[in-house]
Amino acid sequence: MGMVSVVKREAWHTGGVALYLFFCFGIFTTLKKLFLATHQIEYSALVPAVIGTLALAKVVVLLDMTPFVTHLDTRHPVWVSTLYKTLFYCAVSAPVLFAERVWHFSRETGALGEAVVEAWKRMDPNVVLAKVIIIGLVFACYHLYHGIDRRLGQDKLWRMILSRG
């Protein structure tokens, strides 16, 4: 397989993951905007969805290639594999999302140490729990779909969803 075809395949896979994540985060950030609007609080829904998508798409694509994940796919039923991979992806994503917050604060403070302290100090446990639940649901749906698709045959589930009758 040539280098160009490998790059095309990986770009297609990464783009698909990013599109899925953007769709999911777009829904959740829009819901957040609607909930906050009842209290007359302005909130920009696009920027968090794009940032979350970019940060987590890289994590998902890299983790999909790890031996741990491929071992789970071949050795366990789909639901068990989905559960373990969702927990694993959430555990790996938490530091990535925290690093994204630190990066945001580093632009304000100008120093990495101060940014870490500020990000940690401003963490709201309720918001963190809400994000973990949302990201967990997004990952669970992703893994469940791909697990079923892999067992049926690559892209067969997508064709079944799009076909008539």
Foldseek 3Di string as FASTA:
>chain_A
DDPVVVVVVLVVLLVVQLVLQLVLQLVVLVVVQVVVVVVVDHDDSNVVSNVLSVLLSVLVSVVCPDPVLVCLLVPHALLVSLVVVLVVSLVVVVVSVLVVQLVVVCVVVVDSVVSNVVSVVPDDVVVVVVVSVSSSVSSSVVSSVVSVCVVVDPCPVVVVVPDDD
